[in-house]
Amino acid sequence: MAIIVLASNFLVQFLFGQWLTWGAFTYPLAFLVTDLMNRLYGAKAARKVVFAGFVVGVACSLVGTQIMLQGDGYTYPAVTLRIALGSGLAFLTAQLLDVAVFDRLREGRWWRAPLASTLIGSTVDTALFFTIAFSGALSGLEPGNDVAWAGEILPLLGMGPQAPLWVSLAVADWGVKLSLALLALIPFRLIVLKATGTSVFA
């Protein structure tokens, strides 16, 4: 879990295409890990994994704020303080919400709990993270970190109403998370069946 958080914190700083960050492809794995723990060991164990991932992930992210990288003629931290803060708060809030929703729906059809909990958790996570990490309104959190690039006003996803770039990044990220939530049902089902010794055809 900590590796997923750390990798996502670093990769979210780099664009994949025009509207996505590389972190959009790694972070949804955190919900898969949480849901598997919840299904196999219960909500209490899942919460322990979430807290462990939170502590280790934030600690590693804070270390990352002290590691300076060079590129394009300037020096910058591997992980900015705003990204570390946004990631930590969004992760903890969204993952604990995921655990609660999953636990409430665990007795339903096998796909309902992981799908609903991940969709709700991903939505909250995306809104919190991108607002804290990139919104110009919160620039006071880290005055030395210039995120003006994220505030550039552009058509939403290149075709909608005018909005800051970070909003387009958030919407695109959310779309990827929803898509991966659907795809993650396959490994979720297979891992649960293997762990419980149940046949795929049962």
N, C-alpha and C. Protein backbone atom coordinates (compact mmCIF):
# COMPACT_ATOMS: atom_id res chain seq x y z
N MET A 1 0.83 -1.20 0.00
CA MET A 1 0.00 0.00 0.00
C MET A 1 0.86 1.26 0.00
N ALA A 2 1.90 1.24 0.84
CA ALA A 2 2.78 2.41 0.92
C ALA A 2 3.49 2.66 -0.40
N ILE A 3 3.88 1.59 -1.09
CA ILE A 3 4.56 1.73 -2.39
C ILE A 3 3.62 2.36 -3.40
N ILE A 4 2.36 1.95 -3.37
CA ILE A 4 1.36 2.51 -4.29
C ILE A 4 1.20 4.00 -4.04
N VAL A 5 1.09 4.39 -2.77
CA VAL A 5 0.91 5.80 -2.43
C VAL A 5 2.14 6.62 -2.83
N LEU A 6 3.33 6.12 -2.51
CA LEU A 6 4.55 6.85 -2.83
C LEU A 6 4.72 7.00 -4.34
N ALA A 7 4.52 5.90 -5.06
CA ALA A 7 4.66 5.96 -6.52
C ALA A 7 3.66 6.94 -7.12
N SER A 8 2.43 6.92 -6.62
CA SER A 8 1.39 7.80 -7.15
C SER A 8 1.69 9.27 -6.84
N ASN A 9 2.22 9.53 -5.65
CA ASN A 9 2.57 10.90 -5.28
C ASN A 9 3.63 11.47 -6.23
N PHE A 10 4.55 10.63 -6.62
CA PHE A 10 5.60 11.08 -7.54
C PHE A 10 5.06 11.20 -8.96
N LEU A 11 4.32 10.19 -9.40
CA LEU A 11 3.87 10.15 -10.79
C LEU A 11 2.78 11.16 -11.11
N VAL A 12 2.06 11.64 -10.10
CA VAL A 12 0.98 12.61 -10.34
C VAL A 12 1.53 13.95 -10.82
N GLN A 13 2.83 14.14 -10.68
CA GLN A 13 3.44 15.40 -11.11
C GLN A 13 3.77 15.41 -12.60
N PHE A 14 3.58 14.27 -13.28
CA PHE A 14 3.97 14.17 -14.68
C PHE A 14 2.75 13.84 -15.55
N LEU A 15 2.60 14.59 -16.61
CA LEU A 15 1.45 14.41 -17.48
C LEU A 15 1.62 13.22 -18.42
N PHE A 16 0.52 12.51 -18.63
CA PHE A 16 0.42 11.47 -19.64
C PHE A 16 -0.58 12.01 -20.65
N GLY A 17 -0.08 12.47 -21.78
CA GLY A 17 -0.96 13.13 -22.73
C GLY A 17 -1.28 14.52 -22.22
N GLN A 18 -2.45 15.01 -22.53
CA GLN A 18 -2.80 16.39 -22.18
C GLN A 18 -3.58 16.52 -20.88
N TRP A 19 -4.35 15.50 -20.52
CA TRP A 19 -5.26 15.65 -19.38
C TRP A 19 -5.03 14.68 -18.25
N LEU A 20 -4.15 13.71 -18.42
CA LEU A 20 -3.95 12.71 -17.38
C LEU A 20 -2.57 12.83 -16.77
N THR A 21 -2.45 12.37 -15.53
CA THR A 21 -1.14 12.23 -14.91
C THR A 21 -0.86 10.73 -14.83
N TRP A 22 0.41 10.38 -14.73
CA TRP A 22 0.77 8.96 -14.62
C TRP A 22 0.21 8.36 -13.33
N GLY A 23 0.01 9.19 -12.31
CA GLY A 23 -0.52 8.68 -11.05
C GLY A 23 -1.92 8.11 -11.17
N ALA A 24 -2.64 8.52 -12.20
CA ALA A 24 -4.01 8.02 -12.40
C ALA A 24 -4.03 6.52 -12.65
N PHE A 25 -2.91 5.97 -13.11
CA PHE A 25 -2.86 4.55 -13.45
C PHE A 25 -2.38 3.68 -12.29
N THR A 26 -1.72 4.28 -11.31
CA THR A 26 -1.19 3.50 -10.19
C THR A 26 -2.07 3.58 -8.94
N TYR A 27 -2.62 4.74 -8.66
CA TYR A 27 -3.33 4.92 -7.40
C TYR A 27 -4.56 4.02 -7.24
N PRO A 28 -5.35 3.74 -8.29
CA PRO A 28 -6.53 2.89 -8.08
C PRO A 28 -6.21 1.51 -7.51
N LEU A 29 -4.95 1.08 -7.60
CA LEU A 29 -4.58 -0.21 -7.00
C LEU A 29 -4.76 -0.19 -5.49
N ALA A 30 -4.70 0.99 -4.89
CA ALA A 30 -4.90 1.09 -3.44
C ALA A 30 -6.29 0.62 -3.04
N PHE A 31 -7.29 0.94 -3.85
CA PHE A 31 -8.65 0.50 -3.55
C PHE A 31 -8.79 -1.01 -3.69
N LEU A 32 -8.08 -1.59 -4.66
CA LEU A 32 -8.10 -3.05 -4.82
C LEU A 32 -7.52 -3.72 -3.58
N VAL A 33 -6.40 -3.20 -3.08
CA VAL A 33 -5.76 -3.77 -1.89
C VAL A 33 -6.71 -3.67 -0.69
N THR A 34 -7.32 -2.50 -0.50
CA THR A 34 -8.23 -2.30 0.64
C THR A 34 -9.44 -3.23 0.55
N ASP A 35 -10.01 -3.36 -0.64
CA ASP A 35 -11.20 -4.20 -0.80
C ASP A 35 -10.88 -5.68 -0.62
N LEU A 36 -9.71 -6.09 -1.07
CA LEU A 36 -9.32 -7.49 -0.86
C LEU A 36 -9.14 -7.77 0.63
N MET A 37 -8.48 -6.87 1.34
CA MET A 37 -8.31 -7.05 2.79
C MET A 37 -9.67 -7.09 3.48
N ASN A 38 -10.58 -6.23 3.06
CA ASN A 38 -11.90 -6.17 3.67
C ASN A 38 -12.67 -7.47 3.44
N ARG A 39 -12.65 -7.96 2.21
CA ARG A 39 -13.38 -9.19 1.89
C ARG A 39 -12.79 -10.40 2.60
N LEU A 40 -11.46 -10.49 2.62
CA LEU A 40 -10.82 -11.69 3.15
C LEU A 40 -10.65 -11.68 4.67
N TYR A 41 -10.43 -10.49 5.25
CA TYR A 41 -10.11 -10.43 6.67
C TYR A 41 -11.02 -9.53 7.49
N GLY A 42 -11.91 -8.78 6.82
CA GLY A 42 -12.85 -7.94 7.54
C GLY A 42 -12.44 -6.48 7.59
N ALA A 43 -13.39 -5.64 8.02
CA ALA A 43 -13.20 -4.19 8.03
C ALA A 43 -12.09 -3.76 8.98
N LYS A 44 -11.95 -4.42 10.11
CA LYS A 44 -10.93 -4.03 11.09
C LYS A 44 -9.54 -4.18 10.49
N ALA A 45 -9.30 -5.32 9.84
CA ALA A 45 -8.01 -5.56 9.20
C ALA A 45 -7.77 -4.58 8.06
N ALA A 46 -8.82 -4.29 7.30
CA ALA A 46 -8.69 -3.34 6.19
C ALA A 46 -8.31 -1.96 6.70
N ARG A 47 -8.92 -1.55 7.81
CA ARG A 47 -8.57 -0.24 8.39
C ARG A 47 -7.12 -0.21 8.85
N LYS A 48 -6.62 -1.32 9.38
CA LYS A 48 -5.21 -1.38 9.80
C LYS A 48 -4.29 -1.18 8.60
N VAL A 49 -4.63 -1.81 7.48
CA VAL A 49 -3.83 -1.65 6.27
C VAL A 49 -3.88 -0.21 5.79
N VAL A 50 -5.06 0.40 5.87
CA VAL A 50 -5.20 1.81 5.46
C VAL A 50 -4.33 2.71 6.33
N PHE A 51 -4.39 2.53 7.65
CA PHE A 51 -3.59 3.37 8.55
C PHE A 51 -2.09 3.13 8.34
N ALA A 52 -1.71 1.86 8.15
CA ALA A 52 -0.29 1.57 7.90
C ALA A 52 0.16 2.22 6.60
N GLY A 53 -0.66 2.10 5.56
CA GLY A 53 -0.33 2.73 4.28
C GLY A 53 -0.26 4.23 4.40
N PHE A 54 -1.16 4.80 5.19
CA PHE A 54 -1.18 6.25 5.39
C PHE A 54 0.11 6.72 6.07
N VAL A 55 0.47 6.08 7.17
CA VAL A 55 1.65 6.50 7.93
C VAL A 55 2.92 6.35 7.09
N VAL A 56 3.10 5.18 6.49
CA VAL A 56 4.32 4.95 5.70
C VAL A 56 4.32 5.82 4.45
N GLY A 57 3.16 5.93 3.80
CA GLY A 57 3.08 6.74 2.58
C GLY A 57 3.38 8.20 2.84
N VAL A 58 2.81 8.75 3.91
CA VAL A 58 3.04 10.16 4.24
C VAL A 58 4.50 10.38 4.65
N ALA A 59 5.03 9.44 5.45
CA ALA A 59 6.44 9.56 5.87
C ALA A 59 7.36 9.56 4.65
N CYS A 60 7.12 8.64 3.73
CA CYS A 60 7.95 8.58 2.51
C CYS A 60 7.75 9.83 1.66
N SER A 61 6.53 10.33 1.60
CA SER A 61 6.25 11.53 0.82
C SER A 61 6.96 12.73 1.42
N LEU A 62 6.97 12.82 2.75
CA LEU A 62 7.67 13.92 3.40
C LEU A 62 9.17 13.85 3.16
N VAL A 63 9.71 12.63 3.13
CA VAL A 63 11.12 12.46 2.76
C VAL A 63 11.31 12.93 1.32
N GLY A 64 10.34 12.61 0.47
CA GLY A 64 10.41 13.02 -0.93
C GLY A 64 10.43 14.52 -1.11
N THR A 65 9.84 15.25 -0.14
CA THR A 65 9.86 16.71 -0.24
C THR A 65 11.26 17.26 -0.03
N GLN A 66 12.12 16.46 0.57
CA GLN A 66 13.50 16.89 0.82
C GLN A 66 14.48 16.45 -0.27
N ILE A 67 14.01 15.60 -1.17
CA ILE A 67 14.87 15.14 -2.27
C ILE A 67 14.67 16.07 -3.45
N MET A 68 15.74 16.71 -3.87
CA MET A 68 15.66 17.68 -4.95
C MET A 68 16.09 17.06 -6.28
N LEU A 69 15.30 17.29 -7.30
CA LEU A 69 15.58 16.80 -8.65
C LEU A 69 15.89 17.99 -9.55
N GLN A 70 16.57 17.72 -10.65
CA GLN A 70 16.88 18.80 -11.59
C GLN A 70 16.32 18.44 -12.96
N GLY A 71 15.78 19.45 -13.63
CA GLY A 71 15.24 19.25 -14.97
C GLY A 71 14.75 20.56 -15.55
N ASP A 72 14.87 20.69 -16.84
CA ASP A 72 14.42 21.91 -17.54
C ASP A 72 15.06 23.17 -16.95
N GLY A 73 16.29 23.05 -16.46
CA GLY A 73 17.00 24.22 -15.98
C GLY A 73 16.64 24.69 -14.58
N TYR A 74 15.86 23.89 -13.83
CA TYR A 74 15.55 24.30 -12.47
C TYR A 74 15.49 23.09 -11.54
N THR A 75 15.54 23.36 -10.25
CA THR A 75 15.53 22.31 -9.24
C THR A 75 14.15 22.29 -8.58
N TYR A 76 13.65 21.07 -8.32
CA TYR A 76 12.33 20.93 -7.71
C TYR A 76 12.30 19.69 -6.83
N PRO A 77 11.44 19.67 -5.81
CA PRO A 77 11.37 18.50 -4.93
C PRO A 77 10.71 17.31 -5.64
N ALA A 78 11.14 16.10 -5.28
CA ALA A 78 10.55 14.89 -5.86
C ALA A 78 9.05 14.84 -5.56
N VAL A 79 8.66 15.28 -4.37
CA VAL A 79 7.25 15.35 -3.96
C VAL A 79 7.06 16.71 -3.28
N THR A 80 6.12 17.50 -3.74
CA THR A 80 5.89 18.80 -3.10
C THR A 80 5.09 18.60 -1.81
N LEU A 81 5.19 19.58 -0.92
CA LEU A 81 4.47 19.50 0.36
C LEU A 81 2.97 19.44 0.13
N ARG A 82 2.46 20.21 -0.84
CA ARG A 82 1.02 20.21 -1.11
C ARG A 82 0.56 18.85 -1.62
N ILE A 83 1.38 18.21 -2.44
CA ILE A 83 1.01 16.88 -2.95
C ILE A 83 1.04 15.87 -1.80
N ALA A 84 2.03 15.96 -0.93
CA ALA A 84 2.10 15.06 0.22
C ALA A 84 0.88 15.25 1.12
N LEU A 85 0.53 16.51 1.40
CA LEU A 85 -0.61 16.82 2.26
C LEU A 85 -1.92 16.38 1.60
N GLY A 86 -2.09 16.74 0.33
CA GLY A 86 -3.30 16.37 -0.39
C GLY A 86 -3.46 14.87 -0.50
N SER A 87 -2.35 14.20 -0.79
CA SER A 87 -2.39 12.75 -0.91
C SER A 87 -2.77 12.10 0.41
N GLY A 88 -2.14 12.56 1.49
CA GLY A 88 -2.41 11.95 2.79
C GLY A 88 -3.86 12.12 3.23
N LEU A 89 -4.37 13.35 3.16
CA LEU A 89 -5.75 13.60 3.58
C LEU A 89 -6.76 12.90 2.67
N ALA A 90 -6.52 12.96 1.36
CA ALA A 90 -7.44 12.31 0.42
C ALA A 90 -7.41 10.80 0.60
N PHE A 91 -6.20 10.25 0.75
CA PHE A 91 -6.05 8.80 0.92
C PHE A 91 -6.79 8.32 2.16
N LEU A 92 -6.52 8.94 3.30
CA LEU A 92 -7.12 8.48 4.56
C LEU A 92 -8.64 8.60 4.51
N THR A 93 -9.14 9.74 4.06
CA THR A 93 -10.59 9.96 4.00
C THR A 93 -11.26 8.97 3.05
N ALA A 94 -10.72 8.85 1.84
CA ALA A 94 -11.34 8.00 0.81
C ALA A 94 -11.25 6.53 1.16
N GLN A 95 -10.11 6.11 1.69
CA GLN A 95 -9.94 4.69 2.01
C GLN A 95 -10.81 4.26 3.18
N LEU A 96 -10.93 5.11 4.20
CA LEU A 96 -11.80 4.76 5.32
C LEU A 96 -13.26 4.75 4.88
N LEU A 97 -13.62 5.64 3.98
CA LEU A 97 -14.97 5.64 3.41
C LEU A 97 -15.19 4.37 2.61
N ASP A 98 -14.18 3.97 1.84
CA ASP A 98 -14.25 2.73 1.06
C ASP A 98 -14.51 1.53 1.98
N VAL A 99 -13.77 1.48 3.09
CA VAL A 99 -13.93 0.37 4.03
C VAL A 99 -15.35 0.35 4.59
N ALA A 100 -15.87 1.51 4.97
CA ALA A 100 -17.21 1.59 5.56
C ALA A 100 -18.29 1.18 4.57
N VAL A 101 -18.20 1.67 3.33
CA VAL A 101 -19.20 1.34 2.31
C VAL A 101 -19.13 -0.14 1.97
N PHE A 102 -17.91 -0.67 1.81
CA PHE A 102 -17.74 -2.08 1.49
C PHE A 102 -18.36 -2.94 2.60
N ASP A 103 -18.06 -2.59 3.84
CA ASP A 103 -18.56 -3.38 4.97
C ASP A 103 -20.08 -3.37 5.01
N ARG A 104 -20.69 -2.23 4.68
CA ARG A 104 -22.15 -2.12 4.68
C ARG A 104 -22.77 -3.01 3.60
N LEU A 105 -22.07 -3.17 2.49
CA LEU A 105 -22.63 -3.90 1.34
C LEU A 105 -22.07 -5.32 1.18
N ARG A 106 -21.28 -5.76 2.14
CA ARG A 106 -20.54 -7.02 1.96
C ARG A 106 -21.44 -8.24 1.75
N GLU A 107 -22.68 -8.21 2.25
CA GLU A 107 -23.55 -9.37 2.12
C GLU A 107 -24.30 -9.42 0.79
N GLY A 108 -24.17 -8.40 -0.03
CA GLY A 108 -24.86 -8.39 -1.32
C GLY A 108 -24.13 -9.22 -2.35
N ARG A 109 -24.45 -9.02 -3.61
CA ARG A 109 -23.78 -9.73 -4.69
C ARG A 109 -22.29 -9.41 -4.66
N TRP A 110 -21.44 -10.33 -5.07
CA TRP A 110 -20.00 -10.24 -4.86
C TRP A 110 -19.38 -8.96 -5.42
N TRP A 111 -19.93 -8.43 -6.51
CA TRP A 111 -19.33 -7.28 -7.17
C TRP A 111 -19.83 -5.94 -6.61
N ARG A 112 -20.93 -5.97 -5.87
CA ARG A 112 -21.53 -4.72 -5.44
C ARG A 112 -20.67 -3.95 -4.44
N ALA A 113 -20.16 -4.63 -3.44
CA ALA A 113 -19.36 -3.95 -2.41
C ALA A 113 -18.07 -3.35 -2.98
N PRO A 114 -17.26 -4.12 -3.74
CA PRO A 114 -16.03 -3.51 -4.25
C PRO A 114 -16.30 -2.40 -5.27
N LEU A 115 -17.32 -2.56 -6.07
CA LEU A 115 -17.59 -1.54 -7.09
C LEU A 115 -18.12 -0.25 -6.46
N ALA A 116 -19.12 -0.35 -5.60
CA ALA A 116 -19.71 0.84 -4.99
C ALA A 116 -18.70 1.56 -4.09
N SER A 117 -17.97 0.80 -3.28
CA SER A 117 -17.02 1.42 -2.35
C SER A 117 -15.90 2.12 -3.11
N THR A 118 -15.43 1.50 -4.19
CA THR A 118 -14.35 2.11 -4.97
C THR A 118 -14.85 3.34 -5.72
N LEU A 119 -16.05 3.29 -6.27
CA LEU A 119 -16.57 4.46 -6.99
C LEU A 119 -16.75 5.65 -6.04
N ILE A 120 -17.30 5.41 -4.87
CA ILE A 120 -17.51 6.49 -3.91
C ILE A 120 -16.17 6.99 -3.37
N GLY A 121 -15.30 6.06 -2.99
CA GLY A 121 -13.99 6.45 -2.48
C GLY A 121 -13.16 7.20 -3.50
N SER A 122 -13.18 6.75 -4.75
CA SER A 122 -12.42 7.40 -5.81
C SER A 122 -12.90 8.82 -6.06
N THR A 123 -14.20 9.01 -6.00
CA THR A 123 -14.77 10.35 -6.22
C THR A 123 -14.30 11.32 -5.14
N VAL A 124 -14.39 10.89 -3.89
CA VAL A 124 -13.95 11.74 -2.77
C VAL A 124 -12.45 11.98 -2.85
N ASP A 125 -11.69 10.93 -3.13
CA ASP A 125 -10.24 11.05 -3.22
C ASP A 125 -9.83 12.06 -4.28
N THR A 126 -10.43 11.96 -5.46
CA THR A 126 -10.08 12.86 -6.56
C THR A 126 -10.37 14.31 -6.21
N ALA A 127 -11.56 14.55 -5.66
CA ALA A 127 -11.95 15.92 -5.31
C ALA A 127 -11.01 16.52 -4.27
N LEU A 128 -10.72 15.76 -3.22
CA LEU A 128 -9.85 16.27 -2.16
C LEU A 128 -8.42 16.47 -2.66
N PHE A 129 -7.87 15.44 -3.31
CA PHE A 129 -6.46 15.53 -3.71
C PHE A 129 -6.19 16.69 -4.66
N PHE A 130 -6.93 16.78 -5.75
CA PHE A 130 -6.63 17.80 -6.74
C PHE A 130 -6.89 19.21 -6.21
N THR A 131 -7.89 19.36 -5.35
CA THR A 131 -8.15 20.68 -4.76
C THR A 131 -6.99 21.10 -3.86
N ILE A 132 -6.56 20.20 -2.97
CA ILE A 132 -5.48 20.54 -2.04
C ILE A 132 -4.15 20.71 -2.77
N ALA A 133 -3.85 19.84 -3.73
CA ALA A 133 -2.54 19.86 -4.38
C ALA A 133 -2.38 20.98 -5.40
N PHE A 134 -3.46 21.37 -6.08
CA PHE A 134 -3.29 22.26 -7.22
C PHE A 134 -4.16 23.51 -7.27
N SER A 135 -5.16 23.62 -6.41
CA SER A 135 -6.03 24.80 -6.48
C SER A 135 -5.28 26.06 -6.08
N GLY A 136 -5.44 27.10 -6.89
CA GLY A 136 -4.82 28.39 -6.58
C GLY A 136 -5.34 28.98 -5.29
N ALA A 137 -6.57 28.64 -4.91
CA ALA A 137 -7.16 29.17 -3.69
C ALA A 137 -6.41 28.70 -2.44
N LEU A 138 -5.67 27.60 -2.57
CA LEU A 138 -4.95 27.06 -1.41
C LEU A 138 -3.44 27.24 -1.54
N SER A 139 -3.01 28.22 -2.33
CA SER A 139 -1.57 28.43 -2.55
C SER A 139 -0.85 28.79 -1.25
N GLY A 140 -1.58 29.28 -0.25
CA GLY A 140 -0.97 29.61 1.03
C GLY A 140 -0.43 28.40 1.77
N LEU A 141 -0.85 27.21 1.39
CA LEU A 141 -0.35 26.00 2.04
C LEU A 141 1.14 25.82 1.81
N GLU A 142 1.62 26.26 0.64
CA GLU A 142 3.04 26.13 0.29
C GLU A 142 3.41 27.27 -0.65
N PRO A 143 3.61 28.45 -0.09
CA PRO A 143 3.84 29.64 -0.93
C PRO A 143 5.00 29.50 -1.90
N GLY A 144 6.01 28.71 -1.55
CA GLY A 144 7.17 28.55 -2.42
C GLY A 144 6.94 27.63 -3.60
N ASN A 145 5.81 26.94 -3.62
CA ASN A 145 5.51 25.99 -4.70
C ASN A 145 4.61 26.67 -5.72
N ASP A 146 5.15 26.97 -6.86
CA ASP A 146 4.38 27.66 -7.90
C ASP A 146 3.57 26.65 -8.71
N VAL A 147 2.26 26.67 -8.48
CA VAL A 147 1.37 25.78 -9.25
C VAL A 147 0.51 26.59 -10.22
N ALA A 148 1.05 27.73 -10.64
CA ALA A 148 0.30 28.58 -11.56
C ALA A 148 -0.05 27.85 -12.85
N TRP A 149 0.83 26.92 -13.25
CA TRP A 149 0.56 26.15 -14.47
C TRP A 149 -0.77 25.40 -14.35
N ALA A 150 -1.09 24.93 -13.14
CA ALA A 150 -2.32 24.16 -12.94
C ALA A 150 -3.55 25.05 -12.95
N GLY A 151 -3.35 26.34 -12.78
CA GLY A 151 -4.48 27.26 -12.76
C GLY A 151 -4.79 27.90 -14.10
N GLU A 152 -4.04 27.51 -15.14
CA GLU A 152 -4.30 28.07 -16.47
C GLU A 152 -5.74 27.77 -16.89
N ILE A 153 -6.46 28.78 -17.34
CA ILE A 153 -7.86 28.61 -17.71
C ILE A 153 -7.95 28.10 -19.14
N LEU A 154 -8.57 26.94 -19.27
CA LEU A 154 -8.72 26.27 -20.57
C LEU A 154 -10.11 25.65 -20.65
N PRO A 155 -10.57 25.31 -21.86
CA PRO A 155 -11.83 24.56 -21.95
C PRO A 155 -11.69 23.23 -21.23
N LEU A 156 -12.71 22.85 -20.46
CA LEU A 156 -12.68 21.60 -19.71
C LEU A 156 -12.46 20.43 -20.65
N LEU A 157 -11.38 19.69 -20.43
CA LEU A 157 -10.99 18.56 -21.29
C LEU A 157 -10.90 18.97 -22.76
N GLY A 158 -10.62 20.25 -22.99
CA GLY A 158 -10.41 20.73 -24.34
C GLY A 158 -11.67 21.05 -25.12
N MET A 159 -12.84 20.83 -24.51
CA MET A 159 -14.06 21.05 -25.28
C MET A 159 -15.23 21.57 -24.45
N GLY A 160 -15.08 21.63 -23.14
CA GLY A 160 -16.19 22.05 -22.29
C GLY A 160 -16.07 23.50 -21.88
N PRO A 161 -16.76 23.88 -20.80
CA PRO A 161 -16.69 25.27 -20.31
C PRO A 161 -15.29 25.58 -19.79
N GLN A 162 -14.99 26.86 -19.65
CA GLN A 162 -13.68 27.29 -19.17
C GLN A 162 -13.49 26.86 -17.71
N ALA A 163 -12.31 26.32 -17.42
CA ALA A 163 -11.99 25.88 -16.06
C ALA A 163 -10.48 25.81 -15.91
N PRO A 164 -9.97 25.88 -14.67
CA PRO A 164 -8.54 25.72 -14.48
C PRO A 164 -8.07 24.35 -14.97
N LEU A 165 -6.83 24.28 -15.43
CA LEU A 165 -6.27 23.02 -15.93
C LEU A 165 -6.41 21.90 -14.91
N TRP A 166 -6.22 22.22 -13.61
CA TRP A 166 -6.26 21.15 -12.62
C TRP A 166 -7.64 20.50 -12.53
N VAL A 167 -8.68 21.23 -12.89
CA VAL A 167 -10.03 20.64 -12.89
C VAL A 167 -10.14 19.61 -14.01
N SER A 168 -9.59 19.93 -15.18
CA SER A 168 -9.57 18.95 -16.28
C SER A 168 -8.76 17.73 -15.89
N LEU A 169 -7.62 17.95 -15.21
CA LEU A 169 -6.80 16.83 -14.76
C LEU A 169 -7.58 15.95 -13.78
N ALA A 170 -8.35 16.60 -12.90
CA ALA A 170 -9.14 15.86 -11.92
C ALA A 170 -10.25 15.05 -12.59
N VAL A 171 -10.94 15.66 -13.55
CA VAL A 171 -12.03 14.96 -14.24
C VAL A 171 -11.49 13.76 -15.03
N ALA A 172 -10.36 13.97 -15.72
CA ALA A 172 -9.76 12.87 -16.49
C ALA A 172 -9.29 11.77 -15.55
N ASP A 173 -8.68 12.15 -14.43
CA ASP A 173 -8.21 11.19 -13.44
C ASP A 173 -9.37 10.38 -12.89
N TRP A 174 -10.47 11.06 -12.60
CA TRP A 174 -11.67 10.40 -12.07
C TRP A 174 -12.21 9.39 -13.08
N GLY A 175 -12.21 9.76 -14.36
CA GLY A 175 -12.67 8.84 -15.39
C GLY A 175 -11.84 7.58 -15.47
N VAL A 176 -10.52 7.74 -15.34
CA VAL A 176 -9.63 6.57 -15.35
C VAL A 176 -9.89 5.70 -14.13
N LYS A 177 -10.07 6.34 -12.97
CA LYS A 177 -10.34 5.58 -11.75
C LYS A 177 -11.63 4.77 -11.88
N LEU A 178 -12.65 5.35 -12.47
CA LEU A 178 -13.91 4.62 -12.63
C LEU A 178 -13.73 3.44 -13.58
N SER A 179 -12.97 3.66 -14.65
CA SER A 179 -12.71 2.58 -15.61
C SER A 179 -11.92 1.45 -14.95
N LEU A 180 -10.89 1.83 -14.20
CA LEU A 180 -10.07 0.82 -13.53
C LEU A 180 -10.84 0.12 -12.42
N ALA A 181 -11.81 0.81 -11.81
CA ALA A 181 -12.65 0.17 -10.79
C ALA A 181 -13.42 -1.01 -11.39
N LEU A 182 -13.89 -0.81 -12.62
CA LEU A 182 -14.59 -1.90 -13.31
C LEU A 182 -13.64 -3.04 -13.65
N LEU A 183 -12.46 -2.68 -14.19
CA LEU A 183 -11.48 -3.70 -14.56
C LEU A 183 -10.96 -4.46 -13.34
N ALA A 184 -10.84 -3.78 -12.20
CA ALA A 184 -10.31 -4.39 -10.99
C ALA A 184 -11.24 -5.46 -10.43
N LEU A 185 -12.48 -5.49 -10.88
CA LEU A 185 -13.39 -6.54 -10.41
C LEU A 185 -12.89 -7.94 -10.81
N ILE A 186 -12.18 -8.01 -11.94
CA ILE A 186 -11.68 -9.31 -12.40
C ILE A 186 -10.61 -9.86 -11.46
N PRO A 187 -9.51 -9.12 -11.22
CA PRO A 187 -8.54 -9.66 -10.26
C PRO A 187 -9.11 -9.81 -8.85
N PHE A 188 -10.02 -8.91 -8.45
CA PHE A 188 -10.64 -9.02 -7.14
C PHE A 188 -11.34 -10.37 -7.01
N ARG A 189 -12.16 -10.70 -7.99
CA ARG A 189 -12.91 -11.96 -7.95
C ARG A 189 -11.98 -13.17 -7.96
N LEU A 190 -10.98 -13.14 -8.84
CA LEU A 190 -10.07 -14.28 -8.96
C LEU A 190 -9.24 -14.49 -7.70
N ILE A 191 -8.76 -13.40 -7.11
CA ILE A 191 -7.94 -13.51 -5.90
C ILE A 191 -8.79 -14.00 -4.73
N VAL A 192 -10.01 -13.50 -4.60
CA VAL A 192 -10.89 -13.95 -3.51
C VAL A 192 -11.22 -15.42 -3.68
N LEU A 193 -11.53 -15.84 -4.89
CA LEU A 193 -11.85 -17.25 -5.12
C LEU A 193 -10.65 -18.14 -4.81
N LYS A 194 -9.46 -17.74 -5.22
CA LYS A 194 -8.26 -18.54 -4.96
C LYS A 194 -7.97 -18.58 -3.47
N ALA A 195 -8.09 -17.43 -2.79
CA ALA A 195 -7.79 -17.37 -1.36
C ALA A 195 -8.77 -18.18 -0.53
N THR A 196 -10.00 -18.28 -0.98
CA THR A 196 -11.02 -19.02 -0.23
C THR A 196 -11.19 -20.46 -0.73
N GLY A 197 -10.45 -20.80 -1.77
CA GLY A 197 -10.53 -22.17 -2.30
C GLY A 197 -11.82 -22.47 -3.00
N THR A 198 -12.48 -21.42 -3.52
CA THR A 198 -13.75 -21.60 -4.21
C THR A 198 -13.52 -21.69 -5.71
N SER A 199 -14.28 -22.54 -6.35
CA SER A 199 -14.15 -22.68 -7.82
C SER A 199 -14.72 -21.47 -8.51
N VAL A 200 -14.13 -21.11 -9.64
CA VAL A 200 -14.63 -20.01 -10.46
C VAL A 200 -16.04 -20.30 -10.91
N PHE A 201 -16.36 -21.57 -11.03
CA PHE A 201 -17.67 -21.96 -11.55
C PHE A 201 -18.68 -22.22 -10.44
N ALA A 202 -18.27 -21.96 -9.17
CA ALA A 202 -19.19 -22.21 -8.06
C ALA A 202 -20.27 -21.15 -8.00
